[in-house]
Amino acid sequence: MKELFDKLTQVSRFTVLTGAGISAESGVPTFRGKEGLWKKHKPEDLATPQAFTRNPELVWEWYHYRREMAEKASPNPGHYALVELEALLANFTLITQNVDNLHVRAGSKNLLELHGNIFRARCSRDGMVFQLPSTSETLPHCPACGELLRPDIVWFGEALPEQEMKRAAAASIEADYFLVVGTSGLVYPAAGLPLLAHQNLAMIIEINPEKTPLSEFTVYCPGKASEILPLLVETVKFQLSVS
């Protein structure tokens, strides 16, 4: 691994993209794995604007359930390793497809949540965003106008938040090192970010238990993020100490 970071310096630009795999190690179910949530629910019944219009009670019931699962989970050594990596480097951006808040709880600061956060809600009328309390009414309403709140999540058929996507693309283009952690490489446009970094000559490193469509142009490191990321941090510390 030392050879991967032979040109790393304090000012190197480092970008990370995480997916469901890193959260799965904390006990949060993935969507596309063998025990994934989509095996039990149809996406169109729970994660589309049409589903929310048709049955907001069912949608909120499911998201309350998901919040309970996320609250019971704890950040794992992989999450904390990324916090430490951010503290070591002057130019660090963490991009996540996860909505479970574990990166925030671990202490990550320069974080882009491309798909939203299940601990937030936004007003159906004006889009104002609110933090949800641990105990929330079954159908939460906007404290400002009384309109029904919806989960602050990017649903199927919706565009990713424009500003976050612009910042993610810029961090990918500018990256000297791009780290892919626990993502299937199937969900676009997020899956296009490593490709963007590759086109701009970044070193692409992938940490996943199994190879993905991205593996053909990455330095593939098979294994768990909770085991490999702490080793990667120690390597980065060493390289920075001798650079």
Protein backbone atom coordinates (compact mmCIF):
# COMPACT_ATOMS: atom_id res chain seq x y z
CA MET A 1 0.00 0.00 0.00
CA LYS A 2 2.95 2.34 0.56
CA GLU A 3 3.62 2.34 -3.18
CA LEU A 4 0.11 3.74 -3.82
CA PHE A 5 0.91 6.88 -1.85
CA ASP A 6 4.49 7.46 -2.92
CA LYS A 7 3.66 11.00 -4.11
CA LEU A 8 1.29 11.93 -1.30
CA THR A 9 1.90 15.26 0.43
CA GLN A 10 -0.01 17.39 2.91
CA VAL A 11 -1.54 19.39 0.06
CA SER A 12 -2.57 16.39 -2.06
CA ARG A 13 -6.25 16.47 -2.96
CA PHE A 14 -8.02 13.41 -1.60
CA THR A 15 -11.65 12.51 -2.42
CA VAL A 16 -13.63 9.57 -1.04
CA LEU A 17 -16.92 8.06 -2.23
CA THR A 18 -18.73 5.72 0.16
CA GLY A 19 -21.72 3.47 -0.40
CA ALA A 20 -23.89 1.07 1.54
CA GLY A 21 -21.07 -1.40 2.19
CA ILE A 22 -19.41 0.68 4.89
CA SER A 23 -22.75 1.04 6.72
CA ALA A 24 -23.53 -2.65 6.35
CA GLU A 25 -20.54 -3.34 8.60
CA SER A 26 -22.37 -1.32 11.28
CA GLY A 27 -25.49 -3.45 10.86
CA VAL A 28 -27.43 -1.15 8.52
CA PRO A 29 -29.01 -3.32 5.77
CA THR A 30 -28.02 -2.61 2.19
CA PHE A 31 -30.62 -2.30 -0.55
CA ARG A 32 -29.11 -4.57 -3.15
CA GLY A 33 -27.46 -7.32 -1.15
CA LYS A 34 -28.90 -10.75 -0.39
CA GLU A 35 -30.66 -9.34 2.67
CA GLY A 36 -31.34 -5.97 1.08
CA LEU A 37 -34.42 -3.93 1.90
CA TRP A 38 -35.65 -4.01 -1.68
CA LYS A 39 -36.09 -7.77 -1.28
CA LYS A 40 -38.98 -7.03 1.08
CA HIS A 41 -40.41 -3.83 -0.42
CA LYS A 42 -40.91 -2.53 -3.93
CA PRO A 43 -39.09 0.77 -4.50
CA GLU A 44 -42.11 2.26 -6.26
CA ASP A 45 -44.21 1.62 -3.14
CA LEU A 46 -41.92 3.50 -0.79
CA ALA A 47 -39.36 5.76 -2.44
CA THR A 48 -41.01 7.83 -5.15
CA PRO A 49 -42.92 11.13 -5.08
CA GLN A 50 -45.93 9.24 -6.41
CA ALA A 51 -45.80 6.78 -3.50
CA PHE A 52 -45.70 9.66 -1.03
CA THR A 53 -48.67 11.36 -2.64
CA ARG A 54 -50.58 8.09 -2.71
CA ASN A 55 -49.80 6.89 0.81
CA PRO A 56 -47.70 9.24 2.97
CA GLU A 57 -48.48 7.18 6.09
CA LEU A 58 -46.87 4.06 4.60
CA VAL A 59 -43.82 5.98 3.38
CA TRP A 60 -43.27 7.67 6.74
CA GLU A 61 -43.81 4.40 8.58
CA TRP A 62 -40.99 2.86 6.54
CA TYR A 63 -38.64 5.81 7.07
CA HIS A 64 -39.34 5.86 10.81
CA TYR A 65 -38.38 2.17 10.82
CA ARG A 66 -35.18 2.92 8.91
CA ARG A 67 -34.30 5.73 11.32
CA GLU A 68 -34.73 3.35 14.25
CA MET A 69 -32.34 0.89 12.62
CA ALA A 70 -29.79 3.63 11.95
CA GLU A 71 -30.04 4.93 15.52
CA LYS A 72 -29.27 1.46 16.87
CA ALA A 73 -26.17 1.22 14.67
CA SER A 74 -22.85 2.82 15.55
CA PRO A 75 -20.07 4.14 13.32
CA ASN A 76 -17.43 1.46 12.77
CA PRO A 77 -13.63 1.74 12.49
CA GLY A 78 -14.01 2.51 8.78
CA HIS A 79 -16.07 5.62 9.53
CA TYR A 80 -13.61 6.78 12.16
CA ALA A 81 -10.64 6.13 9.88
CA LEU A 82 -12.12 8.56 7.35
CA VAL A 83 -12.47 11.18 10.09
CA GLU A 84 -8.79 10.71 10.92
CA LEU A 85 -7.85 10.89 7.26
CA GLU A 86 -9.71 14.19 6.94
CA ALA A 87 -7.74 15.59 9.89
CA LEU A 88 -4.44 14.59 8.26
CA LEU A 89 -5.03 16.21 4.87
CA ALA A 90 -5.57 19.83 3.94
CA ASN A 91 -7.75 19.00 0.92
CA PHE A 92 -10.21 16.24 1.75
CA THR A 93 -13.78 15.68 0.55
CA LEU A 94 -16.05 12.84 1.60
CA ILE A 95 -18.95 12.08 -0.74
CA THR A 96 -21.52 9.55 0.43
CA GLN A 97 -24.53 7.83 -1.09
CA ASN A 98 -25.61 6.79 2.39
CA VAL A 99 -28.47 8.49 4.23
CA ASP A 100 -27.99 6.92 7.68
CA ASN A 101 -26.07 9.79 9.36
CA LEU A 102 -23.20 7.53 10.47
CA HIS A 103 -20.51 9.71 8.87
CA VAL A 104 -21.89 12.73 10.74
CA ARG A 105 -21.99 10.82 14.02
CA ALA A 106 -18.40 9.67 13.48
CA GLY A 107 -17.30 13.30 13.10
CA SER A 108 -16.79 13.86 9.35
CA LYS A 109 -16.95 17.56 8.48
CA ASN A 110 -16.35 18.14 4.77
CA LEU A 111 -19.20 15.81 3.82
CA LEU A 112 -21.51 15.76 0.80
CA GLU A 113 -24.64 13.65 1.29
CA LEU A 114 -25.75 13.12 -2.31
CA HIS A 115 -28.89 11.15 -1.50
CA GLY A 116 -30.01 13.07 1.58
CA ASN A 117 -30.34 12.10 5.24
CA ILE A 118 -33.15 10.16 6.92
CA PHE A 119 -32.78 12.29 10.06
CA ARG A 120 -33.91 15.35 8.13
CA ALA A 121 -37.26 16.29 6.59
CA ARG A 122 -38.26 19.04 4.24
CA CYS A 123 -41.46 20.96 3.69
CA SER A 124 -43.59 19.72 0.82
CA ARG A 125 -44.54 23.33 0.05
CA ASP A 126 -41.32 25.38 0.11
CA GLY A 127 -38.51 22.84 0.57
CA MET A 128 -37.35 24.19 3.95
CA VAL A 129 -35.25 21.53 5.70
CA PHE A 130 -35.63 20.51 9.35
CA GLN A 131 -33.87 18.08 11.67
CA LEU A 132 -36.22 15.38 12.89
CA PRO A 133 -36.25 14.64 16.63
CA SER A 134 -35.59 11.09 17.80
CA THR A 135 -39.29 10.75 18.51
CA SER A 136 -41.37 12.25 15.74
CA GLU A 137 -45.06 12.23 15.00
CA THR A 138 -46.22 9.60 12.53
CA LEU A 139 -46.96 12.27 9.93
CA PRO A 140 -44.71 15.25 10.73
CA HIS A 141 -45.78 18.71 9.64
CA CYS A 142 -43.81 21.86 8.93
CA PRO A 143 -43.48 23.97 12.11
CA ALA A 144 -43.52 27.11 9.95
CA CYS A 145 -46.53 26.59 7.72
CA GLY A 146 -48.19 23.34 8.82
CA GLU A 147 -47.67 21.61 5.47
CA LEU A 148 -46.83 17.90 5.48
CA LEU A 149 -43.11 17.19 5.70
CA ARG A 150 -41.43 14.57 3.51
CA PRO A 151 -38.15 12.75 4.16
CA ASP A 152 -35.16 14.76 2.96
CA ILE A 153 -34.19 11.93 0.64
CA VAL A 154 -33.59 11.81 -3.10
CA TRP A 155 -36.24 9.42 -4.36
CA PHE A 156 -36.30 7.43 -7.57
CA GLY A 157 -37.04 9.75 -10.47
CA GLU A 158 -35.67 12.83 -8.67
CA ALA A 159 -32.47 14.74 -9.44
CA LEU A 160 -29.61 14.90 -6.99
CA PRO A 161 -29.21 18.23 -5.17
CA GLU A 162 -27.56 20.59 -7.63
CA GLN A 163 -25.02 22.28 -5.35
CA GLU A 164 -23.87 19.04 -3.73
CA MET A 165 -23.46 17.41 -7.13
CA LYS A 166 -21.44 20.35 -8.44
CA ARG A 167 -19.14 20.20 -5.43
CA ALA A 168 -18.80 16.41 -5.77
CA ALA A 169 -17.90 16.72 -9.45
CA ALA A 170 -15.33 19.43 -8.72
CA ALA A 171 -13.74 17.35 -5.96
CA SER A 172 -13.56 14.38 -8.35
CA ILE A 173 -11.98 16.37 -11.16
CA GLU A 174 -9.40 17.94 -8.84
CA ALA A 175 -8.53 14.78 -6.90
CA ASP A 176 -5.00 13.39 -6.86
CA TYR A 177 -6.33 10.30 -5.05
CA PHE A 178 -9.89 9.00 -5.26
CA LEU A 179 -10.98 6.31 -2.81
CA VAL A 180 -14.07 4.17 -3.55
CA VAL A 181 -15.47 2.39 -0.47
CA GLY A 182 -18.34 -0.06 -0.28
CA THR A 183 -20.31 1.03 -3.31
CA SER A 184 -21.76 -1.21 -6.02
CA GLY A 185 -20.77 1.15 -8.82
CA LEU A 186 -24.26 0.80 -10.27
CA VAL A 187 -26.09 3.90 -9.06
CA TYR A 188 -25.61 6.96 -11.26
CA PRO A 189 -24.73 9.76 -11.29
CA ALA A 190 -22.67 8.98 -8.15
CA ALA A 191 -21.05 5.99 -9.87
CA GLY A 192 -19.78 8.37 -12.56
CA LEU A 193 -17.61 10.31 -10.10
CA PRO A 194 -14.76 7.75 -9.99
CA LEU A 195 -14.83 7.72 -13.80
CA LEU A 196 -14.51 11.50 -13.78
CA ALA A 197 -11.54 11.28 -11.43
CA HIS A 198 -9.97 8.56 -13.60
CA GLN A 199 -10.32 10.72 -16.71
CA ASN A 200 -8.43 13.45 -14.87
CA LEU A 201 -5.56 11.11 -13.94
CA ALA A 202 -6.32 10.53 -10.27
CA MET A 203 -5.09 7.38 -8.56
CA ILE A 204 -8.28 5.34 -8.00
CA ILE A 205 -8.32 2.91 -5.06
CA GLU A 206 -11.30 0.64 -4.41
CA ILE A 207 -12.11 -1.11 -1.13
CA ASN A 208 -14.87 -3.69 -1.54
CA PRO A 209 -15.44 -7.33 -0.57
CA GLU A 210 -16.21 -8.11 -4.22
CA LYS A 211 -15.23 -6.53 -7.51
CA THR A 212 -17.61 -4.05 -9.15
CA PRO A 213 -17.93 -2.49 -12.62
CA LEU A 214 -15.47 0.14 -11.38
CA SER A 215 -12.75 -2.40 -10.57
CA GLU A 216 -11.32 -2.56 -14.08
CA PHE A 217 -9.66 0.84 -13.69
CA THR A 218 -9.07 0.89 -9.93
CA VAL A 219 -6.39 -0.49 -7.66
CA TYR A 220 -8.68 -3.06 -6.10
CA CYS A 221 -8.28 -3.92 -2.41
CA PRO A 222 -10.57 -6.83 -1.48
CA GLY A 223 -11.92 -6.80 2.05
CA LYS A 224 -13.87 -4.90 4.66
CA ALA A 225 -13.66 -1.14 4.97
CA SER A 226 -13.49 -1.43 8.77
CA GLU A 227 -10.29 -3.44 8.44
CA ILE A 228 -8.57 -1.85 5.44
CA LEU A 229 -9.28 1.85 6.07
CA PRO A 230 -7.43 1.98 9.42
CA LEU A 231 -4.41 0.39 7.70
CA LEU A 232 -4.67 2.94 4.91
CA VAL A 233 -4.66 5.77 7.46
CA GLU A 234 -1.49 4.42 9.07
CA THR A 235 0.12 4.27 5.63
CA VAL A 236 -0.89 7.86 4.91
CA LYS A 237 0.57 8.96 8.26
CA PHE A 238 3.86 7.30 7.39
CA GLN A 239 4.01 8.79 3.90
CA LEU A 240 3.26 12.27 5.21
CA SER A 241 5.99 11.91 7.82
CA VAL A 242 8.63 11.16 5.19
CA SER A 243 7.43 13.45 2.42
